[in-house]
Amino acid sequence: MKKASPLFLALVIVLLCTGFALAEPETVSLRILATSDLHGKLMPWDYALNEESLSGSMTQLAAAVKACRTENTLLVDAGDTISVTIIV
């Protein structure tokens, strides 16, 4: 069996790449959800005041993310997720 020449292989690669480049690009919508400074607050409880907190816990965040997440959703976190803030 005869081997294909390098010139022929290069031509095939160029033609394949050109064919893919000429294809119409598909438009996809992407929803990006971002969080930051969660500080390990798992439950909606204010430990400083020893009472239920109305906002700012991971359980509340999970419910909000679940409500608005679709197939094309990316959830990112900017940091301070597990570092706990100690209030004295």
C-alpha atoms as a PDB file:
ATOM      1  CA  MET A   1       0.000   0.000   0.000  1.00  0.00           C
ATOM      2  CA  LYS A   2       1.334   3.404  -1.009  1.00  0.00           C
ATOM      3  CA  LYS A   3       1.696   6.161   1.628  1.00  0.00           C
ATOM      4  CA  ALA A   4       0.017   9.517   1.066  1.00  0.00           C
ATOM      5  CA  SER A   5       2.444  12.309   0.295  1.00  0.00           C
ATOM      6  CA  PRO A   6       2.906  15.127   2.853  1.00  0.00           C
ATOM      7  CA  LEU A   7       1.680  17.625   0.239  1.00  0.00           C
ATOM      8  CA  PHE A   8      -1.556  15.674  -0.213  1.00  0.00           C
ATOM      9  CA  LEU A   9      -2.118  15.482   3.555  1.00  0.00           C
ATOM     10  CA  ALA A  10      -1.481  19.231   3.904  1.00  0.00           C
ATOM     11  CA  LEU A  11      -4.002  19.917   1.116  1.00  0.00           C
ATOM     12  CA  VAL A  12      -6.633  17.722   2.812  1.00  0.00           C
ATOM     13  CA  ILE A  13      -6.089  19.505   6.134  1.00  0.00           C
ATOM     14  CA  VAL A  14      -6.391  22.941   4.503  1.00  0.00           C
ATOM     15  CA  LEU A  15      -9.587  21.954   2.701  1.00  0.00           C
ATOM     16  CA  LEU A  16     -11.144  20.524   5.880  1.00  0.00           C
ATOM     17  CA  CYS A  17     -10.247  23.613   7.911  1.00  0.00           C
ATOM     18  CA  THR A  18     -11.554  25.942   5.198  1.00  0.00           C
ATOM     19  CA  GLY A  19     -14.817  24.008   5.028  1.00  0.00           C
ATOM     20  CA  PHE A  20     -15.359  24.363   8.764  1.00  0.00           C
ATOM     21  CA  ALA A  21     -14.473  28.058   8.665  1.00  0.00           C
ATOM     22  CA  LEU A  22     -17.090  28.732   5.980  1.00  0.00           C
ATOM     23  CA  ALA A  23     -19.900  27.101   7.944  1.00  0.00           C
ATOM     24  CA  GLU A  24     -22.459  29.449   9.480  1.00  0.00           C
ATOM     25  CA  PRO A  25     -21.729  29.977  13.177  1.00  0.00           C
ATOM     26  CA  GLU A  26     -24.465  28.947  15.571  1.00  0.00           C
ATOM     27  CA  THR A  27     -25.629  31.593  18.030  1.00  0.00           C
ATOM     28  CA  VAL A  28     -26.042  30.395  21.597  1.00  0.00           C
ATOM     29  CA  SER A  29     -27.302  32.471  24.497  1.00  0.00           C
ATOM     30  CA  LEU A  30     -25.350  32.083  27.722  1.00  0.00           C
ATOM     31  CA  ARG A  31     -26.554  33.180  31.148  1.00  0.00           C
ATOM     32  CA  ILE A  32     -23.770  33.860  33.652  1.00  0.00           C
ATOM     33  CA  LEU A  33     -24.580  33.806  37.356  1.00  0.00           C
ATOM     34  CA  ALA A  34     -21.864  35.094  39.688  1.00  0.00           C
ATOM     35  CA  THR A  35     -21.440  35.018  43.455  1.00  0.00           C
ATOM     36  CA  SER A  36     -18.910  36.543  45.799  1.00  0.00           C
ATOM     37  CA  ASP A  37     -18.176  36.897  49.514  1.00  0.00           C
ATOM     38  CA  LEU A  38     -20.416  34.098  50.788  1.00  0.00           C
ATOM     39  CA  HIS A  39     -18.106  33.565  53.794  1.00  0.00           C
ATOM     40  CA  GLY A  40     -19.320  30.063  54.573  1.00  0.00           C
ATOM     41  CA  LYS A  41     -22.787  31.193  55.656  1.00  0.00           C
ATOM     42  CA  LEU A  42     -24.728  27.971  55.080  1.00  0.00           C
ATOM     43  CA  MET A  43     -27.983  28.748  56.868  1.00  0.00           C
ATOM     44  CA  PRO A  44     -30.017  31.988  56.962  1.00  0.00           C
ATOM     45  CA  TRP A  45     -29.050  32.815  60.538  1.00  0.00           C
ATOM     46  CA  ASP A  46     -27.420  35.962  61.945  1.00  0.00           C
ATOM     47  CA  TYR A  47     -25.135  34.709  64.700  1.00  0.00           C
ATOM     48  CA  ALA A  48     -24.351  38.208  65.952  1.00  0.00           C
ATOM     49  CA  LEU A  49     -28.036  38.966  66.599  1.00  0.00           C
ATOM     50  CA  ASN A  50     -28.979  35.330  67.306  1.00  0.00           C
ATOM     51  CA  GLU A  51     -31.941  35.494  64.951  1.00  0.00           C
ATOM     52  CA  GLU A  52     -33.015  34.399  61.492  1.00  0.00           C
ATOM     53  CA  SER A  53     -31.471  36.418  58.674  1.00  0.00           C
ATOM     54  CA  LEU A  54     -33.561  37.478  55.693  1.00  0.00           C
ATOM     55  CA  SER A  55     -30.741  37.264  53.152  1.00  0.00           C
ATOM     56  CA  GLY A  56     -27.282  36.052  52.421  1.00  0.00           C
ATOM     57  CA  SER A  57     -27.067  32.299  52.968  1.00  0.00           C
ATOM     58  CA  MET A  58     -26.030  29.463  50.684  1.00  0.00           C
ATOM     59  CA  THR A  59     -29.429  27.795  51.132  1.00  0.00           C
ATOM     60  CA  GLN A  60     -31.132  30.921  49.801  1.00  0.00           C
ATOM     61  CA  LEU A  61     -28.566  31.173  47.010  1.00  0.00           C
ATOM     62  CA  ALA A  62     -29.187  27.547  46.022  1.00  0.00           C
ATOM     63  CA  ALA A  63     -32.919  28.221  45.727  1.00  0.00           C
ATOM     64  CA  ALA A  64     -32.309  31.336  43.594  1.00  0.00           C
ATOM     65  CA  VAL A  65     -29.852  29.517  41.302  1.00  0.00           C
ATOM     66  CA  LYS A  66     -32.253  26.590  40.900  1.00  0.00           C
ATOM     67  CA  ALA A  67     -35.053  28.980  39.957  1.00  0.00           C
ATOM     68  CA  CYS A  68     -33.150  30.719  37.156  1.00  0.00           C
ATOM     69  CA  ARG A  69     -30.752  28.030  35.912  1.00  0.00           C
ATOM     70  CA  THR A  70     -31.244  26.846  32.347  1.00  0.00           C
ATOM     71  CA  GLU A  71     -29.297  24.502  30.080  1.00  0.00           C
ATOM     72  CA  ASN A  72     -26.934  27.310  29.033  1.00  0.00           C
ATOM     73  CA  THR A  73     -26.163  28.724  32.468  1.00  0.00           C
ATOM     74  CA  LEU A  74     -22.681  29.148  33.890  1.00  0.00           C
ATOM     75  CA  LEU A  75     -22.335  29.635  37.659  1.00  0.00           C
ATOM     76  CA  VAL A  76     -19.052  31.170  38.827  1.00  0.00           C
ATOM     77  CA  ASP A  77     -17.842  32.297  42.239  1.00  0.00           C
ATOM     78  CA  ALA A  78     -15.374  35.147  42.760  1.00  0.00           C
ATOM     79  CA  GLY A  79     -14.038  33.964  46.102  1.00  0.00           C
ATOM     80  CA  ASP A  80     -14.441  34.004  49.882  1.00  0.00           C
ATOM     81  CA  THR A  81     -16.839  31.089  49.645  1.00  0.00           C
ATOM     82  CA  ILE A  82     -15.612  29.016  52.576  1.00  0.00           C
ATOM     83  CA  SER A  83     -13.758  31.596  54.677  1.00  0.00           C
ATOM     84  CA  VAL A  84     -15.938  32.259  57.684  1.00  0.00           C
ATOM     85  CA  THR A  85     -16.305  35.773  59.041  1.00  0.00           C
ATOM     86  CA  ILE A  86     -16.050  35.743  62.815  1.00  0.00           C
ATOM     87  CA  ILE A  87     -18.192  38.359  64.517  1.00  0.00           C
ATOM     88  CA  VAL A  88     -17.293  39.090  68.120  1.00  0.00           C
END
